[in-house]
Amino acid sequence: MDIPAKPWPTGLSERCEPLVRRVLAPNASHYTFTGTQTYIVGAADQVAVIDPGPADAAGESEPSPFKGADTNGKGHVEAILAAVGPARIAAIMCTHTHRDHSPAAAVLKAATGAPIIGCAPLTISDDGPRADSAFDHSYAPDRVLKDGERLTGPDWTIEAVATPGHTSNHLCYGLVESRALFTGDHVMAWSTSVVSPPDGDMAAYMASLDKLYDRGDTVFYPAHGPAILKTRQLVRGMLGHRRSREAQILRLLAQAPHVIPDMVAAMYKGLDPRLTGAAGRSVLAHLIDLRSRGQVSDEGEQWRVIS
């Protein structure tokens, strides 16, 4: 999906449904679409803020020709506070700790005193080529939610849904009242999620997709890109896409041993050269999964099918 033309509604509060508003951060890029979407849940005097985003406009991990969108005269945290208005923030919640999602949590907490509640901290170092933000080492939650644990406000109930794969600490959040799910980076309509070892785990990602398919939520609100109404259809397509990539890998290795760069060249025809490193990480994630199931082996940089 192409990034839509400007203007983008950065800094404005947009209502998604009676209990949900969103504020778009000014960190658009090839990797974040039009930017990180911060969601405000609740219509009464206490609200929850999901994925507060980058602490400033420079939220993406790579330089981008799309960088530079303004926030209608406001910084992103200021825009969140303006959208919240007189209500009290009862919880600042992050789906995971990439730098385009969580750094503003500390800024928002300092401004309001609200607790940071949600995913666990994760500060793993990953020197491989990424197609998303690096980890936020400053993230310090006041409380970590377990799978199925709930937070309640005057008119909302949010349930934590553990969805490891994109990162090991990734949580989605279900809004019980409307059967909506805030999916972070786990499921997006505009792009597939990055699964980059060592923390990204393809087997966990596929299991998490199965988990969302079984839930049957009525709408997904991702951190990047448009809302998704055909939730099961999208998840089914994502599962099929990953299985197709796995089958491609096995066909290539059945012909002869391969190194990852050669697999990328064969599998991703016409790929932007800037994204070849990230594609290689995705292939590596598949290979690690296949190795764990006894279907492939590696020796040095070469991978081969186990007969």
Protein backbone atom coordinates (compact mmCIF):
# COMPACT_ATOMS: atom_id res chain seq x y z
CA MET A 1 0.00 0.00 0.00
CA ASP A 2 1.40 3.40 -1.01
CA ILE A 3 1.70 6.14 1.57
CA PRO A 4 -1.22 8.50 0.89
CA ALA A 5 -0.62 12.05 -0.16
CA LYS A 6 -0.40 14.82 2.40
CA PRO A 7 -1.94 16.42 4.34
CA TRP A 8 -1.97 13.84 7.10
CA PRO A 9 -4.06 14.65 10.21
CA THR A 10 -1.10 14.80 12.59
CA GLY A 11 -1.84 16.27 15.99
CA LEU A 12 -5.61 16.12 15.56
CA SER A 13 -8.01 14.02 17.63
CA GLU A 14 -10.08 11.76 15.36
CA ARG A 15 -12.97 9.68 16.68
CA CYS A 16 -12.89 6.03 15.59
CA GLU A 17 -15.91 4.91 17.63
CA PRO A 18 -17.69 6.21 20.77
CA LEU A 19 -14.94 5.02 23.13
CA VAL A 20 -11.91 5.43 20.87
CA ARG A 21 -10.01 8.43 19.49
CA ARG A 22 -6.66 8.54 17.78
CA VAL A 23 -3.90 11.11 17.41
CA LEU A 24 -1.34 10.66 14.62
CA ALA A 25 2.33 11.30 15.47
CA PRO A 26 4.52 13.18 12.96
CA ASN A 27 6.92 10.31 12.25
CA ALA A 28 5.83 9.12 8.83
CA SER A 29 8.27 6.92 6.92
CA HIS A 30 8.46 3.90 4.65
CA TYR A 31 8.47 1.84 7.86
CA THR A 32 5.73 3.63 9.84
CA PHE A 33 3.32 4.55 7.02
CA THR A 34 1.80 7.97 7.87
CA GLY A 35 3.14 7.69 11.43
CA THR A 36 2.41 6.08 14.78
CA GLN A 37 -1.23 6.23 15.85
CA THR A 38 -1.82 6.91 19.54
CA TYR A 39 -5.21 5.75 20.77
CA ILE A 40 -7.21 7.31 23.61
CA VAL A 41 -9.78 4.96 25.12
CA GLY A 42 -12.73 6.21 27.14
CA ALA A 43 -15.36 8.95 26.93
CA ALA A 44 -15.74 9.70 30.65
CA ASP A 45 -13.43 11.34 33.18
CA GLN A 46 -10.73 8.63 33.06
CA VAL A 47 -9.02 7.38 29.90
CA ALA A 48 -6.24 5.05 28.80
CA VAL A 49 -3.59 6.05 26.25
CA ILE A 50 -2.27 3.27 24.01
CA ASP A 51 1.08 3.59 22.18
CA PRO A 52 2.01 7.19 23.04
CA GLY A 53 4.63 7.05 20.31
CA PRO A 54 7.98 8.79 19.88
CA ALA A 55 9.02 11.47 22.34
CA ASP A 56 9.46 13.93 19.48
CA ALA A 57 8.95 14.12 15.74
CA ALA A 58 12.08 12.09 14.94
CA GLY A 59 10.51 8.75 15.76
CA GLU A 60 11.60 6.62 12.84
CA SER A 61 14.72 4.51 12.82
CA GLU A 62 15.88 5.56 9.35
CA PRO A 63 15.96 8.87 7.45
CA SER A 64 12.84 9.21 5.36
CA PRO A 65 11.62 11.47 2.56
CA PHE A 66 8.27 11.49 4.36
CA LYS A 67 9.68 12.94 7.57
CA GLY A 68 8.71 16.47 8.45
CA ALA A 69 4.91 16.36 8.82
CA ASP A 70 3.84 18.88 11.41
CA THR A 71 1.44 18.42 14.33
CA ASN A 72 -0.74 21.42 13.59
CA GLY A 73 1.46 23.56 15.79
CA LYS A 74 1.70 21.09 18.68
CA GLY A 75 4.28 18.51 19.74
CA HIS A 76 2.90 14.97 19.86
CA VAL A 77 2.66 14.71 23.66
CA GLU A 78 1.02 18.13 23.75
CA ALA A 79 -1.43 16.93 21.08
CA ILE A 80 -2.28 13.87 23.21
CA LEU A 81 -2.89 16.07 26.26
CA ALA A 82 -5.10 18.38 24.23
CA ALA A 83 -7.14 15.41 23.03
CA VAL A 84 -7.49 14.04 26.57
CA GLY A 85 -8.65 17.44 27.82
CA PRO A 86 -9.88 17.56 31.44
CA ALA A 87 -10.05 13.77 31.78
CA ARG A 88 -7.47 11.95 33.90
CA ILE A 89 -5.12 9.47 32.23
CA ALA A 90 -5.53 6.27 34.24
CA ALA A 91 -2.96 4.26 32.30
CA ILE A 92 -0.28 4.77 29.65
CA MET A 93 -0.09 1.49 27.72
CA CYS A 94 2.51 0.37 25.15
CA THR A 95 2.10 -2.60 22.83
CA HIS A 96 5.89 -3.03 22.69
CA THR A 97 9.07 -1.04 23.12
CA HIS A 98 10.29 -0.01 19.71
CA ARG A 99 11.23 3.65 19.59
CA ASP A 100 8.26 4.66 17.47
CA HIS A 101 5.88 3.37 20.17
CA SER A 102 7.05 3.86 23.75
CA PRO A 103 9.46 6.78 24.39
CA ALA A 104 6.64 9.32 24.87
CA ALA A 105 5.33 7.20 27.77
CA ALA A 106 7.92 8.69 30.13
CA VAL A 107 7.20 12.22 28.91
CA LEU A 108 3.46 11.73 29.33
CA LYS A 109 3.95 10.25 32.80
CA ALA A 110 6.08 13.22 33.84
CA ALA A 111 3.38 15.61 32.64
CA THR A 112 0.41 13.83 34.25
CA GLY A 113 1.63 11.40 36.91
CA ALA A 114 -0.18 8.57 35.13
CA PRO A 115 1.29 5.07 35.55
CA ILE A 116 2.85 3.16 32.67
CA ILE A 117 1.04 -0.19 32.52
CA GLY A 118 1.37 -2.84 29.83
CA CYS A 119 4.17 -4.68 28.07
CA ALA A 120 7.38 -5.77 29.76
CA PRO A 121 10.63 -3.87 29.20
CA LEU A 122 12.98 -5.23 26.57
CA THR A 123 16.42 -3.87 25.81
CA ILE A 124 17.91 -6.55 23.59
CA SER A 125 20.66 -5.36 21.27
CA ASP A 126 20.11 -6.21 17.62
CA ASP A 127 22.85 -5.17 15.19
CA GLY A 128 21.19 -6.69 12.16
CA PRO A 129 19.61 -4.61 9.39
CA ARG A 130 16.14 -3.54 10.53
CA ALA A 131 13.05 -2.26 8.74
CA ASP A 132 11.58 -0.78 11.90
CA SER A 133 12.66 1.14 14.97
CA ALA A 134 15.25 -0.11 17.41
CA PHE A 135 14.33 -0.80 21.02
CA ASP A 136 13.58 1.91 23.57
CA HIS A 137 16.03 1.42 26.43
CA SER A 138 14.34 4.09 28.57
CA TYR A 139 11.02 2.26 28.93
CA ALA A 140 10.22 1.58 32.59
CA PRO A 141 6.70 0.30 33.31
CA ASP A 142 5.07 0.66 36.70
CA ARG A 143 3.16 -2.56 36.11
CA VAL A 144 3.47 -5.35 33.56
CA LEU A 145 0.29 -7.03 32.36
CA LYS A 146 -0.02 -10.76 31.84
CA ASP A 147 -2.00 -12.41 29.08
CA GLY A 148 -5.72 -12.04 29.87
CA GLU A 149 -5.21 -9.47 32.63
CA ARG A 150 -7.65 -6.54 32.56
CA LEU A 151 -7.75 -2.85 33.39
CA THR A 152 -11.06 -1.04 33.91
CA GLY A 153 -12.22 2.57 33.73
CA PRO A 154 -15.61 4.22 34.12
CA ASP A 155 -16.80 3.10 30.67
CA TRP A 156 -14.05 0.80 29.36
CA THR A 157 -12.38 -2.54 29.99
CA ILE A 158 -9.05 -3.31 28.35
CA GLU A 159 -7.70 -6.87 28.21
CA ALA A 160 -4.06 -7.70 27.54
CA VAL A 161 -3.54 -10.22 24.72
CA ALA A 162 -0.01 -11.61 24.55
CA THR A 163 1.13 -11.72 20.91
CA PRO A 164 4.87 -12.43 20.76
CA GLY A 165 6.58 -12.69 17.39
CA HIS A 166 7.28 -9.19 16.11
CA THR A 167 8.91 -8.75 19.51
CA SER A 168 8.88 -11.11 22.47
CA ASN A 169 7.16 -8.50 24.66
CA HIS A 170 4.40 -7.54 22.22
CA LEU A 171 0.89 -7.14 23.64
CA CYS A 172 -2.34 -6.36 21.83
CA TYR A 173 -5.17 -4.79 23.82
CA GLY A 174 -8.81 -5.79 23.52
CA LEU A 175 -11.57 -3.27 24.23
CA VAL A 176 -14.20 -5.55 25.73
CA GLU A 177 -17.14 -3.18 25.25
CA SER A 178 -16.86 -3.03 21.44
CA ARG A 179 -14.77 -6.14 20.68
CA ALA A 180 -12.09 -3.93 19.16
CA LEU A 181 -8.42 -4.90 19.29
CA PHE A 182 -5.46 -2.51 19.32
CA THR A 183 -2.91 -4.57 17.39
CA GLY A 184 0.27 -2.47 17.60
CA ASP A 185 2.66 -3.82 14.94
CA HIS A 186 1.42 -7.41 15.09
CA VAL A 187 -1.26 -6.96 12.43
CA MET A 188 -1.44 -4.04 9.98
CA ALA A 189 -3.31 -3.63 6.69
CA TRP A 190 -0.63 -1.61 4.91
CA SER A 191 2.32 -3.98 5.47
CA THR A 192 3.33 -7.30 6.95
CA SER A 193 4.97 -7.16 10.37
CA VAL A 194 8.74 -7.33 10.65
CA VAL A 195 9.99 -10.51 12.33
CA SER A 196 13.70 -10.00 12.96
CA PRO A 197 15.82 -12.43 15.02
CA PRO A 198 17.18 -12.69 17.62
CA ASP A 199 14.10 -11.33 19.39
CA GLY A 200 11.65 -11.71 16.52
CA ASP A 201 10.37 -15.28 16.42
CA MET A 202 8.49 -16.68 13.41
CA ALA A 203 6.96 -19.65 15.24
CA ALA A 204 5.67 -17.34 17.98
CA TYR A 205 4.39 -14.88 15.37
CA MET A 206 2.41 -17.56 13.54
CA ALA A 207 0.96 -18.86 16.83
CA SER A 208 -0.07 -15.31 17.72
CA LEU A 209 -1.80 -14.90 14.36
CA ASP A 210 -3.73 -18.13 15.02
CA LYS A 211 -4.68 -16.70 18.42
CA LEU A 212 -6.11 -13.53 16.87
CA TYR A 213 -7.99 -15.52 14.23
CA ASP A 214 -9.71 -17.53 16.94
CA ARG A 215 -10.72 -14.37 18.86
CA GLY A 216 -12.95 -12.98 16.12
CA ASP A 217 -12.61 -9.30 17.05
CA THR A 218 -14.87 -6.98 15.05
CA VAL A 219 -12.24 -4.34 14.27
CA PHE A 220 -8.45 -4.00 14.50
CA TYR A 221 -6.84 -0.65 15.28
CA PRO A 222 -3.16 -0.97 14.29
CA ALA A 223 -0.42 1.44 15.31
CA HIS A 224 0.20 2.24 11.65
CA GLY A 225 -2.31 2.39 8.83
CA PRO A 226 -6.09 2.17 8.54
CA ALA A 227 -8.50 0.30 10.77
CA ILE A 228 -9.31 -3.25 9.68
CA LEU A 229 -12.92 -4.44 9.60
CA LYS A 230 -12.42 -7.80 7.88
CA THR A 231 -10.27 -9.06 10.72
CA ARG A 232 -10.32 -12.80 10.09
CA GLN A 233 -9.85 -12.33 6.35
CA LEU A 234 -6.72 -10.26 6.95
CA VAL A 235 -5.25 -12.70 9.47
CA ARG A 236 -5.97 -15.63 7.18
CA GLY A 237 -4.16 -13.81 4.36
CA MET A 238 -1.16 -13.09 6.60
CA LEU A 239 -0.91 -16.72 7.62
CA GLY A 240 -1.09 -17.73 3.96
CA HIS A 241 1.61 -15.21 3.01
CA ARG A 242 4.03 -16.55 5.62
CA ARG A 243 3.35 -20.17 4.63
CA SER A 244 3.98 -19.23 1.00
CA ARG A 245 7.36 -17.73 1.94
CA GLU A 246 8.22 -20.89 3.86
CA ALA A 247 7.33 -23.02 0.83
CA GLN A 248 9.53 -20.81 -1.38
CA ILE A 249 12.47 -21.37 0.93
CA LEU A 250 12.01 -25.12 0.98
CA ARG A 251 11.77 -25.26 -2.83
CA LEU A 252 15.00 -23.30 -3.21
CA LEU A 253 16.86 -25.46 -0.71
CA ALA A 254 15.55 -28.62 -2.36
CA GLN A 255 17.42 -27.55 -5.50
CA ALA A 256 20.74 -26.83 -3.77
CA PRO A 257 22.18 -25.33 -0.59
CA HIS A 258 21.80 -21.55 -0.47
CA VAL A 259 23.04 -18.56 1.48
CA ILE A 260 20.47 -16.01 2.60
CA PRO A 261 21.41 -13.20 0.14
CA ASP A 262 20.85 -15.59 -2.77
CA MET A 263 17.49 -16.64 -1.33
CA VAL A 264 16.45 -13.00 -0.99
CA ALA A 265 17.40 -12.30 -4.61
CA ALA A 266 15.34 -15.27 -5.80
CA MET A 267 12.32 -14.65 -3.56
CA TYR A 268 11.95 -10.86 -3.62
CA LYS A 269 11.97 -9.82 -7.27
CA GLY A 270 12.10 -6.08 -7.79
CA LEU A 271 12.73 -5.34 -4.11
CA ASP A 272 13.99 -1.87 -3.22
CA PRO A 273 17.73 -2.45 -2.56
CA ARG A 274 17.42 -0.55 0.72
CA LEU A 275 15.14 -3.30 2.02
CA THR A 276 17.25 -6.35 1.13
CA GLY A 277 18.80 -6.52 4.60
CA ALA A 278 15.39 -6.52 6.25
CA ALA A 279 14.13 -9.17 3.81
CA GLY A 280 17.12 -11.28 4.78
CA ARG A 281 16.09 -11.04 8.44
CA SER A 282 12.64 -12.32 7.55
CA VAL A 283 14.17 -15.24 5.64
CA LEU A 284 16.42 -15.95 8.61
CA ALA A 285 13.38 -16.02 10.92
CA HIS A 286 11.75 -18.62 8.66
CA LEU A 287 14.94 -20.67 8.51
CA ILE A 288 15.33 -20.71 12.29
CA ASP A 289 11.73 -21.91 12.58
CA LEU A 290 12.27 -24.61 9.95
CA ARG A 291 15.48 -25.71 11.68
CA SER A 292 13.64 -26.07 14.98
CA ARG A 293 11.21 -28.40 13.22
CA GLY A 294 14.01 -30.50 11.75
CA GLN A 295 13.41 -29.53 8.13
CA VAL A 296 16.60 -27.58 7.39
CA SER A 297 20.13 -27.35 8.72
CA ASP A 298 22.90 -24.81 8.43
CA GLU A 299 26.65 -25.06 8.10
CA GLY A 300 28.46 -21.74 8.17
CA GLU A 301 26.33 -19.40 6.07
CA GLN A 302 24.83 -22.14 3.92
CA TRP A 303 21.40 -23.64 4.52
CA ARG A 304 20.19 -26.98 3.16
CA VAL A 305 17.13 -29.20 3.34
CA ILE A 306 17.32 -32.24 5.59
CA SER A 307 16.39 -35.24 3.45
